[in-house]
Amino acid sequence: MLLSRTSIEVLSDLIENRLSIMSVGDQDDLREKIALKRALMELQKDSDVPAGVLSEFSNIPRRGRRRKVGSAETF
C-alpha cells in the first residue's frame, strides 16, 4: 500500500506527538513506545529521510530478553 507524502508527514507528526507525551509506567507502555518508534522509523524510511536522523532508534532490540522499565527512558 502506497501512502502520499502528506499522509506520511501527518502520521509521523501524530506518532512524534504521542511519543513526546508518553510516560512509561509498565511493560505495556514500554512495548507501545517501542512499537511507535519502529512505526516512525518505517514511515520516515519510506519518505526518504536522511540516514542520520534515525540513528537513535537503530538500537531498539527486536528479539531477546525484555528490558527493564527503568531503562526505557534512555531511548
PDB file of N, CA and C in Angstrom:
ATOM      1  N   MET A   1       0.833  -1.175   0.000  1.00  0.00           N
ATOM      2  CA  MET A   1       0.000   0.000   0.000  1.00  0.00           C
ATOM      3  C   MET A   1       0.881   1.244   0.000  1.00  0.00           C
ATOM      4  N   LEU A   2       0.655   2.127  -0.906  1.00  0.00           N
ATOM      5  CA  LEU A   2       1.434   3.348  -1.009  1.00  0.00           C
ATOM      6  C   LEU A   2       0.706   4.494  -0.321  1.00  0.00           C
ATOM      7  N   LEU A   3       1.461   5.301   0.394  1.00  0.00           N
ATOM      8  CA  LEU A   3       0.916   6.475   1.057  1.00  0.00           C
ATOM      9  C   LEU A   3       1.508   7.722   0.430  1.00  0.00           C
ATOM     10  N   SER A   4       0.712   8.771   0.380  1.00  0.00           N
ATOM     11  CA  SER A   4       1.233  10.031  -0.154  1.00  0.00           C
ATOM     12  C   SER A   4       2.195  10.645   0.853  1.00  0.00           C
ATOM     13  N   ARG A   5       3.016  11.541   0.385  1.00  0.00           N
ATOM     14  CA  ARG A   5       3.983  12.204   1.262  1.00  0.00           C
ATOM     15  C   ARG A   5       3.271  12.960   2.375  1.00  0.00           C
ATOM     16  N   THR A   6       2.142  13.573   2.064  1.00  0.00           N
ATOM     17  CA  THR A   6       1.382  14.304   3.066  1.00  0.00           C
ATOM     18  C   THR A   6       0.866  13.368   4.158  1.00  0.00           C
ATOM     19  N   SER A   7       0.368  12.202   3.758  1.00  0.00           N
ATOM     20  CA  SER A   7      -0.123  11.219   4.737  1.00  0.00           C
ATOM     21  C   SER A   7       1.007  10.740   5.642  1.00  0.00           C
ATOM     22  N   ILE A   8       2.164  10.512   5.070  1.00  0.00           N
ATOM     23  CA  ILE A   8       3.320  10.073   5.858  1.00  0.00           C
ATOM     24  C   ILE A   8       3.724  11.152   6.855  1.00  0.00           C
ATOM     25  N   GLU A   9       3.720  12.413   6.424  1.00  0.00           N
ATOM     26  CA  GLU A   9       4.070  13.505   7.322  1.00  0.00           C
ATOM     27  C   GLU A   9       3.073  13.631   8.470  1.00  0.00           C
ATOM     28  N   VAL A  10       1.787  13.489   8.166  1.00  0.00           N
ATOM     29  CA  VAL A  10       0.755  13.595   9.202  1.00  0.00           C
ATOM     30  C   VAL A  10       0.899  12.454  10.206  1.00  0.00           C
ATOM     31  N   LEU A  11       1.066  11.242   9.706  1.00  0.00           N
ATOM     32  CA  LEU A  11       1.230  10.097  10.600  1.00  0.00           C
ATOM     33  C   LEU A  11       2.491  10.224  11.442  1.00  0.00           C
ATOM     34  N   SER A  12       3.563  10.690  10.843  1.00  0.00           N
ATOM     35  CA  SER A  12       4.812  10.885  11.586  1.00  0.00           C
ATOM     36  C   SER A  12       4.623  11.914  12.695  1.00  0.00           C
ATOM     37  N   ASP A  13       3.931  13.009  12.389  1.00  0.00           N
ATOM     38  CA  ASP A  13       3.671  14.026  13.406  1.00  0.00           C
ATOM     39  C   ASP A  13       2.835  13.471  14.553  1.00  0.00           C
ATOM     40  N   LEU A  14       1.827  12.681  14.227  1.00  0.00           N
ATOM     41  CA  LEU A  14       0.988  12.091  15.266  1.00  0.00           C
ATOM     42  C   LEU A  14       1.796  11.166  16.175  1.00  0.00           C
ATOM     43  N   ILE A  15       2.646  10.354  15.570  1.00  0.00           N
ATOM     44  CA  ILE A  15       3.471   9.433  16.361  1.00  0.00           C
ATOM     45  C   ILE A  15       4.465  10.202  17.217  1.00  0.00           C
ATOM     46  N   GLU A  16       5.101  11.226  16.649  1.00  0.00           N
ATOM     47  CA  GLU A  16       6.060  12.025  17.412  1.00  0.00           C
ATOM     48  C   GLU A  16       5.379  12.724  18.589  1.00  0.00           C
ATOM     49  N   ASN A  17       4.163  13.231  18.373  1.00  0.00           N
ATOM     50  CA  ASN A  17       3.425  13.869  19.466  1.00  0.00           C
ATOM     51  C   ASN A  17       3.109  12.871  20.568  1.00  0.00           C
ATOM     52  N   ARG A  18       2.682  11.690  20.188  1.00  0.00           N
ATOM     53  CA  ARG A  18       2.358  10.653  21.171  1.00  0.00           C
ATOM     54  C   ARG A  18       3.608  10.258  21.965  1.00  0.00           C
ATOM     55  N   LEU A  19       4.733  10.105  21.270  1.00  0.00           N
ATOM     56  CA  LEU A  19       5.982   9.749  21.953  1.00  0.00           C
ATOM     57  C   LEU A  19       6.440  10.848  22.914  1.00  0.00           C
ATOM     58  N   SER A  20       6.206  12.105  22.553  1.00  0.00           N
ATOM     59  CA  SER A  20       6.672  13.201  23.395  1.00  0.00           C
ATOM     60  C   SER A  20       5.885  13.311  24.700  1.00  0.00           C
ATOM     61  N   ILE A  21       4.619  12.883  24.706  1.00  0.00           N
ATOM     62  CA  ILE A  21       3.821  12.985  25.922  1.00  0.00           C
ATOM     63  C   ILE A  21       3.749  11.672  26.689  1.00  0.00           C
ATOM     64  N   MET A  22       4.283  10.617  26.118  1.00  0.00           N
ATOM     65  CA  MET A  22       4.162   9.291  26.719  1.00  0.00           C
ATOM     66  C   MET A  22       5.094   9.139  27.911  1.00  0.00           C
ATOM     67  N   SER A  23       4.564   8.556  28.976  1.00  0.00           N
ATOM     68  CA  SER A  23       5.395   8.195  30.124  1.00  0.00           C
ATOM     69  C   SER A  23       5.293   6.688  30.317  1.00  0.00           C
ATOM     70  N   VAL A  24       6.433   6.072  30.534  1.00  0.00           N
ATOM     71  CA  VAL A  24       6.491   4.617  30.660  1.00  0.00           C
ATOM     72  C   VAL A  24       6.309   4.246  32.122  1.00  0.00           C
ATOM     73  N   GLY A  25       5.247   3.461  32.382  1.00  0.00           N
ATOM     74  CA  GLY A  25       4.972   3.046  33.739  1.00  0.00           C
ATOM     75  C   GLY A  25       5.008   1.545  33.929  1.00  0.00           C
ATOM     76  N   ASP A  26       4.839   0.807  32.851  1.00  0.00           N
ATOM     77  CA  ASP A  26       4.867  -0.651  32.949  1.00  0.00           C
ATOM     78  C   ASP A  26       5.312  -1.239  31.607  1.00  0.00           C
ATOM     79  N   GLN A  27       5.350  -2.556  31.539  1.00  0.00           N
ATOM     80  CA  GLN A  27       5.828  -3.240  30.334  1.00  0.00           C
ATOM     81  C   GLN A  27       4.952  -2.946  29.116  1.00  0.00           C
ATOM     82  N   ASP A  28       3.649  -2.803  29.318  1.00  0.00           N
ATOM     83  CA  ASP A  28       2.760  -2.498  28.193  1.00  0.00           C
ATOM     84  C   ASP A  28       3.088  -1.138  27.588  1.00  0.00           C
ATOM     85  N   ASP A  29       3.363  -0.158  28.436  1.00  0.00           N
ATOM     86  CA  ASP A  29       3.748   1.163  27.945  1.00  0.00           C
ATOM     87  C   ASP A  29       5.072   1.099  27.188  1.00  0.00           C
ATOM     88  N   LEU A  30       6.007   0.324  27.706  1.00  0.00           N
ATOM     89  CA  LEU A  30       7.301   0.177  27.045  1.00  0.00           C
ATOM     90  C   LEU A  30       7.140  -0.470  25.674  1.00  0.00           C
ATOM     91  N   ARG A  31       6.315  -1.517  25.608  1.00  0.00           N
ATOM     92  CA  ARG A  31       6.064  -2.174  24.314  1.00  0.00           C
ATOM     93  C   ARG A  31       5.424  -1.207  23.322  1.00  0.00           C
ATOM     94  N   GLU A  32       4.478  -0.401  23.803  1.00  0.00           N
ATOM     95  CA  GLU A  32       3.824   0.564  22.928  1.00  0.00           C
ATOM     96  C   GLU A  32       4.815   1.607  22.428  1.00  0.00           C
ATOM     97  N   LYS A  33       5.703   2.056  23.302  1.00  0.00           N
ATOM     98  CA  LYS A  33       6.700   3.051  22.910  1.00  0.00           C
ATOM     99  C   LYS A  33       7.650   2.496  21.848  1.00  0.00           C
ATOM    100  N   ILE A  34       8.081   1.270  22.040  1.00  0.00           N
ATOM    101  CA  ILE A  34       8.969   0.642  21.059  1.00  0.00           C
ATOM    102  C   ILE A  34       8.251   0.450  19.734  1.00  0.00           C
ATOM    103  N   ALA A  35       6.985   0.022  19.783  1.00  0.00           N
ATOM    104  CA  ALA A  35       6.208  -0.172  18.556  1.00  0.00           C
ATOM    105  C   ALA A  35       6.020   1.153  17.818  1.00  0.00           C
ATOM    106  N   LEU A  36       5.772   2.230  18.556  1.00  0.00           N
ATOM    107  CA  LEU A  36       5.614   3.539  17.927  1.00  0.00           C
ATOM    108  C   LEU A  36       6.917   4.010  17.285  1.00  0.00           C
ATOM    109  N   LYS A  37       8.039   3.766  17.951  1.00  0.00           N
ATOM    110  CA  LYS A  37       9.330   4.165  17.375  1.00  0.00           C
ATOM    111  C   LYS A  37       9.633   3.378  16.105  1.00  0.00           C
ATOM    112  N   ARG A  38       9.309   2.095  16.099  1.00  0.00           N
ATOM    113  CA  ARG A  38       9.502   1.292  14.887  1.00  0.00           C
ATOM    114  C   ARG A  38       8.610   1.780  13.754  1.00  0.00           C
ATOM    115  N   ALA A  39       7.362   2.096  14.076  1.00  0.00           N
ATOM    116  CA  ALA A  39       6.437   2.596  13.057  1.00  0.00           C
ATOM    117  C   ALA A  39       6.941   3.917  12.491  1.00  0.00           C
ATOM    118  N   LEU A  40       7.460   4.781  13.360  1.00  0.00           N
ATOM    119  CA  LEU A  40       8.006   6.058  12.908  1.00  0.00           C
ATOM    120  C   LEU A  40       9.207   5.833  11.994  1.00  0.00           C
ATOM    121  N   MET A  41      10.059   4.884  12.371  1.00  0.00           N
ATOM    122  CA  MET A  41      11.208   4.550  11.524  1.00  0.00           C
ATOM    123  C   MET A  41      10.764   4.112  10.141  1.00  0.00           C
ATOM    124  N   GLU A  42       9.773   3.229  10.090  1.00  0.00           N
ATOM    125  CA  GLU A  42       9.286   2.723   8.811  1.00  0.00           C
ATOM    126  C   GLU A  42       8.679   3.833   7.969  1.00  0.00           C
ATOM    127  N   LEU A  43       7.899   4.697   8.589  1.00  0.00           N
ATOM    128  CA  LEU A  43       7.281   5.798   7.853  1.00  0.00           C
ATOM    129  C   LEU A  43       8.339   6.749   7.299  1.00  0.00           C
ATOM    130  N   GLN A  44       9.313   7.077   8.123  1.00  0.00           N
ATOM    131  CA  GLN A  44      10.330   8.020   7.684  1.00  0.00           C
ATOM    132  C   GLN A  44      11.272   7.387   6.665  1.00  0.00           C
ATOM    133  N   LYS A  45      11.466   6.091   6.754  1.00  0.00           N
ATOM    134  CA  LYS A  45      12.295   5.411   5.757  1.00  0.00           C
ATOM    135  C   LYS A  45      11.616   5.475   4.386  1.00  0.00           C
ATOM    136  N   ASP A  46      10.300   5.323   4.384  1.00  0.00           N
ATOM    137  CA  ASP A  46       9.548   5.384   3.134  1.00  0.00           C
ATOM    138  C   ASP A  46       9.504   6.783   2.536  1.00  0.00           C
ATOM    139  N   SER A  47       9.700   7.800   3.366  1.00  0.00           N
ATOM    140  CA  SER A  47       9.632   9.168   2.863  1.00  0.00           C
ATOM    141  C   SER A  47      11.009   9.736   2.526  1.00  0.00           C
ATOM    142  N   ASP A  48      12.026   8.885   2.452  1.00  0.00           N
ATOM    143  CA  ASP A  48      13.382   9.281   2.056  1.00  0.00           C
ATOM    144  C   ASP A  48      13.997  10.316   2.993  1.00  0.00           C
ATOM    145  N   VAL A  49      13.950  10.041   4.289  1.00  0.00           N
ATOM    146  CA  VAL A  49      14.579  10.894   5.286  1.00  0.00           C
ATOM    147  C   VAL A  49      16.077  10.593   5.287  1.00  0.00           C
ATOM    148  N   PRO A  50      16.947  11.587   5.485  1.00  0.00           N
ATOM    149  CA  PRO A  50      18.384  11.323   5.552  1.00  0.00           C
ATOM    150  C   PRO A  50      18.715  10.262   6.601  1.00  0.00           C
ATOM    151  N   ALA A  51      19.727   9.462   6.338  1.00  0.00           N
ATOM    152  CA  ALA A  51      20.051   8.288   7.148  1.00  0.00           C
ATOM    153  C   ALA A  51      20.395   8.617   8.599  1.00  0.00           C
ATOM    154  N   GLY A  52      21.060   9.721   8.885  1.00  0.00           N
ATOM    155  CA  GLY A  52      21.499  10.033  10.231  1.00  0.00           C
ATOM    156  C   GLY A  52      20.382  10.403  11.189  1.00  0.00           C
ATOM    157  N   VAL A  53      19.232  10.748  10.681  1.00  0.00           N
ATOM    158  CA  VAL A  53      18.140  11.217  11.521  1.00  0.00           C
ATOM    159  C   VAL A  53      17.636  10.133  12.464  1.00  0.00           C
ATOM    160  N   LEU A  54      17.614   8.887  12.018  1.00  0.00           N
ATOM    161  CA  LEU A  54      17.026   7.813  12.793  1.00  0.00           C
ATOM    162  C   LEU A  54      18.044   6.965  13.543  1.00  0.00           C
ATOM    163  N   SER A  55      19.272   7.443  13.670  1.00  0.00           N
ATOM    164  CA  SER A  55      20.316   6.633  14.286  1.00  0.00           C
ATOM    165  C   SER A  55      20.008   6.278  15.740  1.00  0.00           C
ATOM    166  N   GLU A  56      19.280   7.143  16.461  1.00  0.00           N
ATOM    167  CA  GLU A  56      18.970   6.846  17.861  1.00  0.00           C
ATOM    168  C   GLU A  56      18.004   5.678  18.004  1.00  0.00           C
ATOM    169  N   PHE A  57      17.213   5.380  16.969  1.00  0.00           N
ATOM    170  CA  PHE A  57      16.263   4.284  17.046  1.00  0.00           C
ATOM    171  C   PHE A  57      16.847   2.964  16.563  1.00  0.00           C
ATOM    172  N   SER A  58      18.032   2.974  16.026  1.00  0.00           N
ATOM    173  CA  SER A  58      18.603   1.757  15.465  1.00  0.00           C
ATOM    174  C   SER A  58      18.974   0.734  16.537  1.00  0.00           C
ATOM    175  N   ASN A  59      19.066   1.162  17.795  1.00  0.00           N
ATOM    176  CA  ASN A  59      19.433   0.256  18.875  1.00  0.00           C
ATOM    177  C   ASN A  59      18.238  -0.406  19.540  1.00  0.00           C
ATOM    178  N   ILE A  60      17.056  -0.250  18.989  1.00  0.00           N
ATOM    179  CA  ILE A  60      15.865  -0.858  19.573  1.00  0.00           C
ATOM    180  C   ILE A  60      15.956  -2.370  19.369  1.00  0.00           C
ATOM    181  N   PRO A  61      15.897  -3.118  20.464  1.00  0.00           N
ATOM    182  CA  PRO A  61      16.007  -4.576  20.321  1.00  0.00           C
ATOM    183  C   PRO A  61      14.769  -5.173  19.665  1.00  0.00           C
ATOM    184  N   ARG A  62      14.982  -6.154  18.811  1.00  0.00           N
ATOM    185  CA  ARG A  62      13.865  -6.802  18.140  1.00  0.00           C
ATOM    186  C   ARG A  62      13.547  -8.155  18.748  1.00  0.00           C
ATOM    187  N   ARG A  63      14.517  -8.782  19.367  1.00  0.00           N
ATOM    188  CA  ARG A  63      14.316 -10.084  19.999  1.00  0.00           C
ATOM    189  C   ARG A  63      15.135 -10.164  21.267  1.00  0.00           C
ATOM    190  N   GLY A  64      14.896 -11.212  22.030  1.00  0.00           N
ATOM    191  CA  GLY A  64      15.702 -11.425  23.216  1.00  0.00           C
ATOM    192  C   GLY A  64      14.980 -11.059  24.484  1.00  0.00           C
ATOM    193  N   ARG A  65      15.742 -10.928  25.526  1.00  0.00           N
ATOM    194  CA  ARG A  65      15.197 -10.656  26.845  1.00  0.00           C
ATOM    195  C   ARG A  65      14.570  -9.263  26.911  1.00  0.00           C
ATOM    196  N   ARG A  66      13.503  -9.136  27.676  1.00  0.00           N
ATOM    197  CA  ARG A  66      12.854  -7.845  27.840  1.00  0.00           C
ATOM    198  C   ARG A  66      13.743  -6.911  28.639  1.00  0.00           C
ATOM    199  N   ARG A  67      13.689  -5.644  28.288  1.00  0.00           N
ATOM    200  CA  ARG A  67      14.434  -4.647  29.028  1.00  0.00           C
ATOM    201  C   ARG A  67      13.647  -4.226  30.260  1.00  0.00           C
ATOM    202  N   LYS A  68      14.350  -3.764  31.258  1.00  0.00           N
ATOM    203  CA  LYS A  68      13.691  -3.268  32.462  1.00  0.00           C
ATOM    204  C   LYS A  68      13.002  -1.945  32.147  1.00  0.00           C
ATOM    205  N   VAL A  69      11.903  -1.681  32.828  1.00  0.00           N
ATOM    206  CA  VAL A  69      11.147  -0.457  32.586  1.00  0.00           C
ATOM    207  C   VAL A  69      11.985   0.764  32.897  1.00  0.00           C
ATOM    208  N   GLY A  70      12.811   0.719  33.909  1.00  0.00           N
ATOM    209  CA  GLY A  70      13.631   1.859  34.283  1.00  0.00           C
ATOM    210  C   GLY A  70      14.606   2.281  33.204  1.00  0.00           C
ATOM    211  N   SER A  71      15.009   1.351  32.357  1.00  0.00           N
ATOM    212  CA  SER A  71      15.958   1.693  31.300  1.00  0.00           C
ATOM    213  C   SER A  71      15.270   2.220  30.055  1.00  0.00           C
ATOM    214  N   ALA A  72      13.953   2.290  30.059  1.00  0.00           N
ATOM    215  CA  ALA A  72      13.193   2.718  28.882  1.00  0.00           C
ATOM    216  C   ALA A  72      13.410   4.193  28.584  1.00  0.00           C
ATOM    217  N   GLU A  73      13.700   4.992  29.568  1.00  0.00           N
ATOM    218  CA  GLU A  73      13.859   6.421  29.362  1.00  0.00           C
ATOM    219  C   GLU A  73      15.134   6.771  28.597  1.00  0.00           C
ATOM    220  N   THR A  74      16.026   5.809  28.406  1.00  0.00           N
ATOM    221  CA  THR A  74      17.243   6.078  27.657  1.00  0.00           C
ATOM    222  C   THR A  74      17.014   6.020  26.163  1.00  0.00           C
ATOM    223  N   PHE A  75      15.827   5.592  25.742  1.00  0.00           N
ATOM    224  CA  PHE A  75      15.527   5.528  24.310  1.00  0.00           C
ATOM    225  C   PHE A  75      15.519   6.894  23.814  1.00  0.00           C
TER     226      PHE A  75
END
